[in-house]
Full PDB file with SEQRES, HELIX, SHEET, SSBOND, CRYST1, ORIGX, SCALE, CONECT and MASTER records, all heavy atoms in Angstrom:
SEQRES   1 A   34  SER ALA SER LYS GLU ASP PHE PRO SER VAL PRO TYR SER          
SEQRES   2 A   34  TYR LEU ASP PHE ASN ASP ASN LYS CYS LYS THR SER ASN          
SEQRES   3 A   34  GLY GLU ILE GLN ASP TYR ASN ASP                              
HELIX    1 AA1 TYR A   14  ASP A   16  5                                   3    
CRYST1    1.000    1.000    1.000  90.00  90.00  90.00 P 1           1          
ORIGX1      1.000000  0.000000  0.000000        0.00000                         
ORIGX2      0.000000  1.000000  0.000000        0.00000                         
ORIGX3      0.000000  0.000000  1.000000        0.00000                         
SCALE1      1.000000  0.000000  0.000000        0.00000                         
SCALE2      0.000000  1.000000  0.000000        0.00000                         
SCALE3      0.000000  0.000000  1.000000        0.00000                         
ATOM      1  N   SER A   1      36.253  -5.331  91.601  1.00  0.00           N  
ATOM      2  CA  SER A   1      37.583  -4.747  91.452  1.00  0.00           C  
ATOM      3  C   SER A   1      38.299  -4.810  92.788  1.00  0.00           C  
ATOM      4  O   SER A   1      37.904  -4.115  93.742  1.00  0.00           O  
ATOM      5  CB  SER A   1      37.514  -3.291  90.982  1.00  0.00           C  
ATOM      6  OG  SER A   1      38.807  -2.691  91.004  1.00  0.00           O  
ATOM      7  N   ALA A   2      39.309  -5.660  92.871  1.00  0.00           N  
ATOM      8  CA  ALA A   2      40.063  -5.787  94.114  1.00  0.00           C  
ATOM      9  C   ALA A   2      40.861  -4.518  94.396  1.00  0.00           C  
ATOM     10  O   ALA A   2      40.939  -4.060  95.540  1.00  0.00           O  
ATOM     11  CB  ALA A   2      40.982  -7.000  94.044  1.00  0.00           C  
ATOM     12  N   SER A   3      41.471  -3.946  93.365  1.00  0.00           N  
ATOM     13  CA  SER A   3      42.325  -2.765  93.562  1.00  0.00           C  
ATOM     14  C   SER A   3      41.517  -1.567  94.066  1.00  0.00           C  
ATOM     15  O   SER A   3      42.018  -0.749  94.835  1.00  0.00           O  
ATOM     16  CB  SER A   3      43.049  -2.403  92.270  1.00  0.00           C  
ATOM     17  OG  SER A   3      42.117  -2.100  91.245  1.00  0.00           O  
ATOM     18  N   LYS A   4      40.252  -1.469  93.633  1.00  0.00           N  
ATOM     19  CA  LYS A   4      39.387  -0.374  94.081  1.00  0.00           C  
ATOM     20  C   LYS A   4      38.552  -0.762  95.314  1.00  0.00           C  
ATOM     21  O   LYS A   4      37.766   0.038  95.814  1.00  0.00           O  
ATOM     22  CB  LYS A   4      38.453   0.044  92.950  1.00  0.00           C  
ATOM     23  CG  LYS A   4      39.180   0.619  91.732  1.00  0.00           C  
ATOM     24  CD  LYS A   4      38.197   0.897  90.603  1.00  0.00           C  
ATOM     25  CE  LYS A   4      38.938   1.401  89.358  1.00  0.00           C  
ATOM     26  NZ  LYS A   4      38.011   1.573  88.202  1.00  0.00           N  
ATOM     27  N   GLU A   5      38.707  -1.991  95.766  1.00  0.00           N  
ATOM     28  CA  GLU A   5      37.923  -2.527  96.887  1.00  0.00           C  
ATOM     29  C   GLU A   5      36.427  -2.318  96.625  1.00  0.00           C  
ATOM     30  O   GLU A   5      35.672  -1.863  97.481  1.00  0.00           O  
ATOM     31  CB  GLU A   5      38.359  -1.892  98.208  1.00  0.00           C  
ATOM     32  CG  GLU A   5      39.812  -2.209  98.556  1.00  0.00           C  
ATOM     33  CD  GLU A   5      40.265  -1.629  99.878  1.00  0.00           C  
ATOM     34  OE1 GLU A   5      39.651  -0.645 100.330  1.00  0.00           O  
ATOM     35  OE2 GLU A   5      41.229  -2.154 100.456  1.00  0.00           O  
ATOM     36  N   ASP A   6      36.022  -2.702  95.431  1.00  0.00           N  
ATOM     37  CA  ASP A   6      34.654  -2.495  94.971  1.00  0.00           C  
ATOM     38  C   ASP A   6      34.021  -3.849  94.654  1.00  0.00           C  
ATOM     39  O   ASP A   6      34.439  -4.544  93.724  1.00  0.00           O  
ATOM     40  CB  ASP A   6      34.676  -1.610  93.716  1.00  0.00           C  
ATOM     41  CG  ASP A   6      33.278  -1.209  93.258  1.00  0.00           C  
ATOM     42  OD1 ASP A   6      32.310  -1.457  94.017  1.00  0.00           O  
ATOM     43  OD2 ASP A   6      33.159  -0.667  92.152  1.00  0.00           O  
ATOM     44  N   PHE A   7      33.034  -4.224  95.461  1.00  0.00           N  
ATOM     45  CA  PHE A   7      32.348  -5.512  95.303  1.00  0.00           C  
ATOM     46  C   PHE A   7      30.846  -5.242  95.244  1.00  0.00           C  
ATOM     47  O   PHE A   7      30.125  -5.395  96.234  1.00  0.00           O  
ATOM     48  CB  PHE A   7      32.709  -6.447  96.459  1.00  0.00           C  
ATOM     49  CG  PHE A   7      34.179  -6.744  96.550  1.00  0.00           C  
ATOM     50  CD1 PHE A   7      35.025  -5.951  97.334  1.00  0.00           C  
ATOM     51  CD2 PHE A   7      34.735  -7.795  95.835  1.00  0.00           C  
ATOM     52  CE1 PHE A   7      36.381  -6.222  97.399  1.00  0.00           C  
ATOM     53  CE2 PHE A   7      36.096  -8.064  95.897  1.00  0.00           C  
ATOM     54  CZ  PHE A   7      36.930  -7.270  96.680  1.00  0.00           C  
ATOM     55  N   PRO A   8      30.348  -4.819  94.084  1.00  0.00           N  
ATOM     56  CA  PRO A   8      28.965  -4.345  93.978  1.00  0.00           C  
ATOM     57  C   PRO A   8      27.906  -5.395  94.237  1.00  0.00           C  
ATOM     58  O   PRO A   8      26.758  -5.045  94.538  1.00  0.00           O  
ATOM     59  CB  PRO A   8      28.882  -3.821  92.539  1.00  0.00           C  
ATOM     60  CG  PRO A   8      30.037  -4.414  91.819  1.00  0.00           C  
ATOM     61  CD  PRO A   8      31.100  -4.642  92.831  1.00  0.00           C  
ATOM     62  N   SER A   9      28.246  -6.680  94.138  1.00  0.00           N  
ATOM     63  CA  SER A   9      27.196  -7.684  94.344  1.00  0.00           C  
ATOM     64  C   SER A   9      26.801  -7.807  95.810  1.00  0.00           C  
ATOM     65  O   SER A   9      25.766  -8.397  96.116  1.00  0.00           O  
ATOM     66  CB  SER A   9      27.631  -9.043  93.792  1.00  0.00           C  
ATOM     67  OG  SER A   9      28.636  -9.621  94.577  1.00  0.00           O  
ATOM     68  N   VAL A  10      27.616  -7.237  96.761  1.00  0.00           N  
ATOM     69  CA  VAL A  10      27.210  -7.305  98.174  1.00  0.00           C  
ATOM     70  C   VAL A  10      26.220  -6.187  98.536  1.00  0.00           C  
ATOM     71  O   VAL A  10      25.119  -6.520  99.027  1.00  0.00           O  
ATOM     72  CB  VAL A  10      28.456  -7.300  99.091  1.00  0.00           C  
ATOM     73  CG1 VAL A  10      28.024  -7.370 100.567  1.00  0.00           C  
ATOM     74  CG2 VAL A  10      29.389  -8.477  98.770  1.00  0.00           C  
ATOM     75  N   PRO A  11      26.492  -4.849  98.387  1.00  0.00           N  
ATOM     76  CA  PRO A  11      27.767  -4.278  97.930  1.00  0.00           C  
ATOM     77  C   PRO A  11      28.687  -3.886  99.087  1.00  0.00           C  
ATOM     78  O   PRO A  11      28.220  -3.503 100.156  1.00  0.00           O  
ATOM     79  CB  PRO A  11      27.292  -3.027  97.188  1.00  0.00           C  
ATOM     80  CG  PRO A  11      26.054  -2.605  97.944  1.00  0.00           C  
ATOM     81  CD  PRO A  11      25.406  -3.858  98.450  1.00  0.00           C  
ATOM     82  N   TYR A  12      30.013  -3.979  98.825  1.00  0.00           N  
ATOM     83  CA  TYR A  12      31.044  -3.404  99.675  1.00  0.00           C  
ATOM     84  C   TYR A  12      31.852  -2.420  98.836  1.00  0.00           C  
ATOM     85  O   TYR A  12      32.099  -2.671  97.645  1.00  0.00           O  
ATOM     86  CB  TYR A  12      32.014  -4.469 100.207  1.00  0.00           C  
ATOM     87  CG  TYR A  12      31.471  -5.370 101.301  1.00  0.00           C  
ATOM     88  CD1 TYR A  12      31.758  -6.737 101.295  1.00  0.00           C  
ATOM     89  CD2 TYR A  12      30.722  -4.865 102.363  1.00  0.00           C  
ATOM     90  CE1 TYR A  12      31.299  -7.575 102.299  1.00  0.00           C  
ATOM     91  CE2 TYR A  12      30.256  -5.700 103.364  1.00  0.00           C  
ATOM     92  CZ  TYR A  12      30.543  -7.049 103.334  1.00  0.00           C  
ATOM     93  OH  TYR A  12      30.091  -7.883 104.332  1.00  0.00           O  
ATOM     94  N   SER A  13      32.286  -1.338  99.474  1.00  0.00           N  
ATOM     95  CA  SER A  13      33.172  -0.364  98.835  1.00  0.00           C  
ATOM     96  C   SER A  13      34.422  -0.202  99.684  1.00  0.00           C  
ATOM     97  O   SER A  13      34.557  -0.826 100.750  1.00  0.00           O  
ATOM     98  CB  SER A  13      32.463   0.979  98.680  1.00  0.00           C  
ATOM     99  OG  SER A  13      32.378   1.640  99.943  1.00  0.00           O  
ATOM    100  N   TYR A  14      35.309   0.686  99.259  1.00  0.00           N  
ATOM    101  CA  TYR A  14      36.548   0.925 100.003  1.00  0.00           C  
ATOM    102  C   TYR A  14      36.276   1.406 101.427  1.00  0.00           C  
ATOM    103  O   TYR A  14      37.138   1.284 102.314  1.00  0.00           O  
ATOM    104  CB  TYR A  14      37.417   1.952  99.261  1.00  0.00           C  
ATOM    105  CG  TYR A  14      36.881   3.369  99.296  1.00  0.00           C  
ATOM    106  CD1 TYR A  14      37.320   4.276 100.257  1.00  0.00           C  
ATOM    107  CD2 TYR A  14      35.925   3.794  98.390  1.00  0.00           C  
ATOM    108  CE1 TYR A  14      36.827   5.568 100.310  1.00  0.00           C  
ATOM    109  CE2 TYR A  14      35.415   5.078  98.423  1.00  0.00           C  
ATOM    110  CZ  TYR A  14      35.872   5.964  99.389  1.00  0.00           C  
ATOM    111  OH  TYR A  14      35.379   7.240  99.439  1.00  0.00           O  
ATOM    112  N   LEU A  15      35.071   1.919 101.684  1.00  0.00           N  
ATOM    113  CA  LEU A  15      34.726   2.393 103.025  1.00  0.00           C  
ATOM    114  C   LEU A  15      34.509   1.245 104.011  1.00  0.00           C  
ATOM    115  O   LEU A  15      34.433   1.469 105.217  1.00  0.00           O  
ATOM    116  CB  LEU A  15      33.444   3.232 102.958  1.00  0.00           C  
ATOM    117  CG  LEU A  15      33.526   4.513 102.120  1.00  0.00           C  
ATOM    118  CD1 LEU A  15      32.151   5.134 101.975  1.00  0.00           C  
ATOM    119  CD2 LEU A  15      34.510   5.496 102.753  1.00  0.00           C  
ATOM    120  N   ASP A  16      34.421   0.017 103.502  1.00  0.00           N  
ATOM    121  CA  ASP A  16      34.052  -1.133 104.331  1.00  0.00           C  
ATOM    122  C   ASP A  16      35.241  -2.010 104.714  1.00  0.00           C  
ATOM    123  O   ASP A  16      35.053  -3.134 105.207  1.00  0.00           O  
ATOM    124  CB  ASP A  16      32.993  -1.968 103.608  1.00  0.00           C  
ATOM    125  CG  ASP A  16      31.737  -1.161 103.322  1.00  0.00           C  
ATOM    126  OD1 ASP A  16      31.274  -0.457 104.240  1.00  0.00           O  
ATOM    127  OD2 ASP A  16      31.242  -1.219 102.178  1.00  0.00           O  
ATOM    128  N   PHE A  17      36.451  -1.495 104.521  1.00  0.00           N  
ATOM    129  CA  PHE A  17      37.653  -2.273 104.810  1.00  0.00           C  
ATOM    130  C   PHE A  17      38.522  -1.572 105.857  1.00  0.00           C  
ATOM    131  O   PHE A  17      38.363  -0.374 106.117  1.00  0.00           O  
ATOM    132  CB  PHE A  17      38.437  -2.532 103.516  1.00  0.00           C  
ATOM    133  CG  PHE A  17      37.693  -3.417 102.561  1.00  0.00           C  
ATOM    134  CD1 PHE A  17      36.789  -2.885 101.642  1.00  0.00           C  
ATOM    135  CD2 PHE A  17      37.844  -4.795 102.612  1.00  0.00           C  
ATOM    136  CE1 PHE A  17      36.075  -3.697 100.777  1.00  0.00           C  
ATOM    137  CE2 PHE A  17      37.127  -5.623 101.748  1.00  0.00           C  
ATOM    138  CZ  PHE A  17      36.244  -5.075 100.838  1.00  0.00           C  
ATOM    139  N   ASN A  18      39.450  -2.331 106.437  1.00  0.00           N  
ATOM    140  CA  ASN A  18      40.229  -1.873 107.586  1.00  0.00           C  
ATOM    141  C   ASN A  18      41.511  -1.126 107.230  1.00  0.00           C  
ATOM    142  O   ASN A  18      42.415  -1.048 108.045  1.00  0.00           O  
ATOM    143  CB  ASN A  18      40.606  -3.079 108.474  1.00  0.00           C  
ATOM    144  CG  ASN A  18      39.569  -3.333 109.560  1.00  0.00           C  
ATOM    145  OD1 ASN A  18      38.891  -2.420 110.002  1.00  0.00           O  
ATOM    146  ND2 ASN A  18      39.460  -4.577 109.979  1.00  0.00           N  
ATOM    147  N   ASP A  19      41.592  -0.561 106.039  1.00  0.00           N  
ATOM    148  CA  ASP A  19      42.854   0.060 105.605  1.00  0.00           C  
ATOM    149  C   ASP A  19      43.354   1.117 106.583  1.00  0.00           C  
ATOM    150  O   ASP A  19      44.550   1.207 106.853  1.00  0.00           O  
ATOM    151  CB  ASP A  19      42.665   0.688 104.218  1.00  0.00           C  
ATOM    152  CG  ASP A  19      42.185  -0.338 103.203  1.00  0.00           C  
ATOM    153  OD1 ASP A  19      42.561  -1.511 103.335  1.00  0.00           O  
ATOM    154  OD2 ASP A  19      41.418   0.030 102.297  1.00  0.00           O  
ATOM    155  N   ASN A  20      42.472   1.934 107.114  1.00  0.00           N  
ATOM    156  CA  ASN A  20      42.898   3.018 107.998  1.00  0.00           C  
ATOM    157  C   ASN A  20      43.153   2.539 109.420  1.00  0.00           C  
ATOM    158  O   ASN A  20      43.866   3.204 110.183  1.00  0.00           O  
ATOM    159  CB  ASN A  20      41.851   4.131 108.009  1.00  0.00           C  
ATOM    160  CG  ASN A  20      41.716   4.803 106.655  1.00  0.00           C  
ATOM    161  OD1 ASN A  20      42.700   4.945 105.941  1.00  0.00           O  
ATOM    162  ND2 ASN A  20      40.500   5.190 106.303  1.00  0.00           N  
ATOM    163  N   LYS A  21      42.587   1.411 109.766  1.00  0.00           N  
ATOM    164  CA  LYS A  21      42.732   0.903 111.135  1.00  0.00           C  
ATOM    165  C   LYS A  21      44.060   0.180 111.329  1.00  0.00           C  
ATOM    166  O   LYS A  21      44.640   0.196 112.409  1.00  0.00           O  
ATOM    167  CB  LYS A  21      41.564  -0.034 111.454  1.00  0.00           C  
ATOM    168  CG  LYS A  21      41.379  -0.301 112.934  1.00  0.00           C  
ATOM    169  CD  LYS A  21      40.111  -1.120 113.178  1.00  0.00           C  
ATOM    170  CE  LYS A  21      39.896  -1.331 114.660  1.00  0.00           C  
ATOM    171  NZ  LYS A  21      38.729  -2.211 114.921  1.00  0.00           N  
ATOM    172  N   CYS A  22      44.546  -0.477 110.278  1.00  0.00           N  
ATOM    173  CA  CYS A  22      45.806  -1.216 110.369  1.00  0.00           C  
ATOM    174  C   CYS A  22      46.976  -0.241 110.454  1.00  0.00           C  
ATOM    175  O   CYS A  22      47.048   0.725 109.687  1.00  0.00           O  
ATOM    176  CB  CYS A  22      45.976  -2.119 109.153  1.00  0.00           C  
ATOM    177  SG  CYS A  22      47.552  -3.004 109.136  1.00  0.00           S  
ATOM    178  N   LYS A  23      47.907  -0.485 111.372  1.00  0.00           N  
ATOM    179  CA  LYS A  23      49.010   0.442 111.614  1.00  0.00           C  
ATOM    180  C   LYS A  23      50.349  -0.038 111.058  1.00  0.00           C  
ATOM    181  O   LYS A  23      51.392   0.542 111.363  1.00  0.00           O  
ATOM    182  CB  LYS A  23      49.164   0.680 113.128  1.00  0.00           C  
ATOM    183  CG  LYS A  23      47.894   1.176 113.813  1.00  0.00           C  
ATOM    184  CD  LYS A  23      47.349   2.455 113.199  1.00  0.00           C  
ATOM    185  CE  LYS A  23      46.110   2.941 113.937  1.00  0.00           C  
ATOM    186  NZ  LYS A  23      45.485   4.104 113.277  1.00  0.00           N  
ATOM    187  N   THR A  24      50.355  -1.100 110.239  1.00  0.00           N  
ATOM    188  CA  THR A  24      51.630  -1.552 109.680  1.00  0.00           C  
ATOM    189  C   THR A  24      51.957  -0.777 108.410  1.00  0.00           C  
ATOM    190  O   THR A  24      51.076  -0.156 107.805  1.00  0.00           O  
ATOM    191  CB  THR A  24      51.610  -3.060 109.379  1.00  0.00           C  
ATOM    192  OG1 THR A  24      50.623  -3.336 108.364  1.00  0.00           O  
ATOM    193  CG2 THR A  24      51.283  -3.874 110.619  1.00  0.00           C  
ATOM    194  N   SER A  25      53.208  -0.851 107.978  1.00  0.00           N  
ATOM    195  CA  SER A  25      53.671  -0.050 106.843  1.00  0.00           C  
ATOM    196  C   SER A  25      53.017  -0.439 105.523  1.00  0.00           C  
ATOM    197  O   SER A  25      52.842   0.400 104.642  1.00  0.00           O  
ATOM    198  CB  SER A  25      55.196  -0.156 106.721  1.00  0.00           C  
ATOM    199  OG  SER A  25      55.581  -1.517 106.537  1.00  0.00           O  
ATOM    200  N   ASN A  26      52.639  -1.715 105.391  1.00  0.00           N  
ATOM    201  CA  ASN A  26      52.080  -2.176 104.113  1.00  0.00           C  
ATOM    202  C   ASN A  26      50.659  -2.717 104.224  1.00  0.00           C  
ATOM    203  O   ASN A  26      50.139  -3.287 103.265  1.00  0.00           O  
ATOM    204  CB  ASN A  26      52.991  -3.246 103.500  1.00  0.00           C  
ATOM    205  CG  ASN A  26      53.118  -4.478 104.381  1.00  0.00           C  
ATOM    206  OD1 ASN A  26      52.600  -4.509 105.498  1.00  0.00           O  
ATOM    207  ND2 ASN A  26      53.825  -5.492 103.889  1.00  0.00           N  
ATOM    208  N   GLY A  27      50.047  -2.552 105.387  1.00  0.00           N  
ATOM    209  CA  GLY A  27      48.681  -3.035 105.570  1.00  0.00           C  
ATOM    210  C   GLY A  27      48.557  -4.507 105.847  1.00  0.00           C  
ATOM    211  O   GLY A  27      47.453  -5.026 106.006  1.00  0.00           O  
ATOM    212  N   GLU A  28      49.699  -5.206 105.905  1.00  0.00           N  
ATOM    213  CA  GLU A  28      49.713  -6.654 106.142  1.00  0.00           C  
ATOM    214  C   GLU A  28      50.024  -6.948 107.606  1.00  0.00           C  
ATOM    215  O   GLU A  28      50.649  -6.136 108.307  1.00  0.00           O  
ATOM    216  CB  GLU A  28      50.794  -7.316 105.274  1.00  0.00           C  
ATOM    217  CG  GLU A  28      50.600  -7.146 103.783  1.00  0.00           C  
ATOM    218  CD  GLU A  28      49.584  -8.107 103.220  1.00  0.00           C  
ATOM    219  OE1 GLU A  28      49.512  -9.252 103.704  1.00  0.00           O  
ATOM    220  OE2 GLU A  28      48.865  -7.715 102.295  1.00  0.00           O  
ATOM    221  N   ILE A  29      49.616  -8.147 108.066  1.00  0.00           N  
ATOM    222  CA  ILE A  29      50.056  -8.609 109.387  1.00  0.00           C  
ATOM    223  C   ILE A  29      51.552  -8.852 109.326  1.00  0.00           C  
ATOM    224  O   ILE A  29      52.030  -9.642 108.511  1.00  0.00           O  
ATOM    225  CB  ILE A  29      49.330  -9.909 109.792  1.00  0.00           C  
ATOM    226  CG1 ILE A  29      47.821  -9.698 109.826  1.00  0.00           C  
ATOM    227  CG2 ILE A  29      49.847 -10.400 111.148  1.00  0.00           C  
ATOM    228  CD1 ILE A  29      47.026 -10.980 109.990  1.00  0.00           C  
ATOM    229  N   GLN A  30      52.314  -8.177 110.170  1.00  0.00           N  
ATOM    230  CA  GLN A  30      53.763  -8.343 110.208  1.00  0.00           C  
ATOM    231  C   GLN A  30      54.227  -9.030 111.487  1.00  0.00           C  
ATOM    232  O   GLN A  30      55.304  -9.627 111.517  1.00  0.00           O  
ATOM    233  CB  GLN A  30      54.449  -6.972 110.073  1.00  0.00           C  
ATOM    234  CG  GLN A  30      54.185  -6.285 108.744  1.00  0.00           C  
ATOM    235  CD  GLN A  30      54.760  -4.877 108.670  1.00  0.00           C  
ATOM    236  OE1 GLN A  30      55.245  -4.330 109.671  1.00  0.00           O  
ATOM    237  NE2 GLN A  30      54.715  -4.279 107.492  1.00  0.00           N  
ATOM    238  N   ASP A  31      53.412  -8.934 112.533  1.00  0.00           N  
ATOM    239  CA  ASP A  31      53.785  -9.501 113.829  1.00  0.00           C  
ATOM    240  C   ASP A  31      52.577 -10.219 114.421  1.00  0.00           C  
ATOM    241  O   ASP A  31      51.632  -9.580 114.888  1.00  0.00           O  
ATOM    242  CB  ASP A  31      54.264  -8.379 114.760  1.00  0.00           C  
ATOM    243  CG  ASP A  31      54.683  -8.890 116.135  1.00  0.00           C  
ATOM    244  OD1 ASP A  31      54.678 -10.129 116.340  1.00  0.00           O  
ATOM    245  OD2 ASP A  31      54.992  -8.050 117.002  1.00  0.00           O  
ATOM    246  N   TYR A  32      52.627 -11.561 114.414  1.00  0.00           N  
ATOM    247  CA  TYR A  32      51.499 -12.336 114.931  1.00  0.00           C  
ATOM    248  C   TYR A  32      51.420 -12.312 116.452  1.00  0.00           C  
ATOM    249  O   TYR A  32      50.469 -12.845 117.032  1.00  0.00           O  
ATOM    250  CB  TYR A  32      51.563 -13.773 114.411  1.00  0.00           C  
ATOM    251  CG  TYR A  32      50.974 -13.907 113.024  1.00  0.00           C  
ATOM    252  CD1 TYR A  32      51.724 -13.622 111.890  1.00  0.00           C  
ATOM    253  CD2 TYR A  32      49.647 -14.287 112.861  1.00  0.00           C  
ATOM    254  CE1 TYR A  32      51.175 -13.724 110.622  1.00  0.00           C  
ATOM    255  CE2 TYR A  32      49.081 -14.394 111.595  1.00  0.00           C  
ATOM    256  CZ  TYR A  32      49.853 -14.109 110.483  1.00  0.00           C  
ATOM    257  OH  TYR A  32      49.303 -14.193 109.229  1.00  0.00           O  
ATOM    258  N   ASN A  33      52.380 -11.691 117.106  1.00  0.00           N  
ATOM    259  CA  ASN A  33      52.308 -11.500 118.554  1.00  0.00           C  
ATOM    260  C   ASN A  33      51.615 -10.193 118.924  1.00  0.00           C  
ATOM    261  O   ASN A  33      51.494  -9.861 120.099  1.00  0.00           O  
ATOM    262  CB  ASN A  33      53.709 -11.536 119.168  1.00  0.00           C  
ATOM    263  CG  ASN A  33      54.315 -12.920 119.113  1.00  0.00           C  
ATOM    264  OD1 ASN A  33      53.651 -13.898 119.459  1.00  0.00           O  
ATOM    265  ND2 ASN A  33      55.556 -13.015 118.663  1.00  0.00           N  
ATOM    266  N   ASP A  34      51.158  -9.459 117.913  1.00  0.00           N  
ATOM    267  CA  ASP A  34      50.426  -8.216 118.122  1.00  0.00           C  
ATOM    268  C   ASP A  34      48.969  -8.465 117.741  1.00  0.00           C  
ATOM    269  O   ASP A  34      48.625  -8.571 116.562  1.00  0.00           O  
ATOM    270  CB  ASP A  34      51.032  -7.110 117.240  1.00  0.00           C  
ATOM    271  CG  ASP A  34      50.351  -5.761 117.426  1.00  0.00           C  
ATOM    272  OD1 ASP A  34      49.173  -5.731 117.835  1.00  0.00           O  
ATOM    273  OD2 ASP A  34      51.000  -4.727 117.142  1.00  0.00           O  
TER     274      ASP A  34                                                      
MASTER        0    0    0    1    0    0    0    6  273    1    0    3          
END                                                                             
């Protein structure tokens, strides 16, 4: 489940992604000079 960030065959969960570390408004790279 991509929306839940759930990949049980590894397994990875939502705890294994950089959502909280990214400081942009939408979680996407907005400035490649940063």
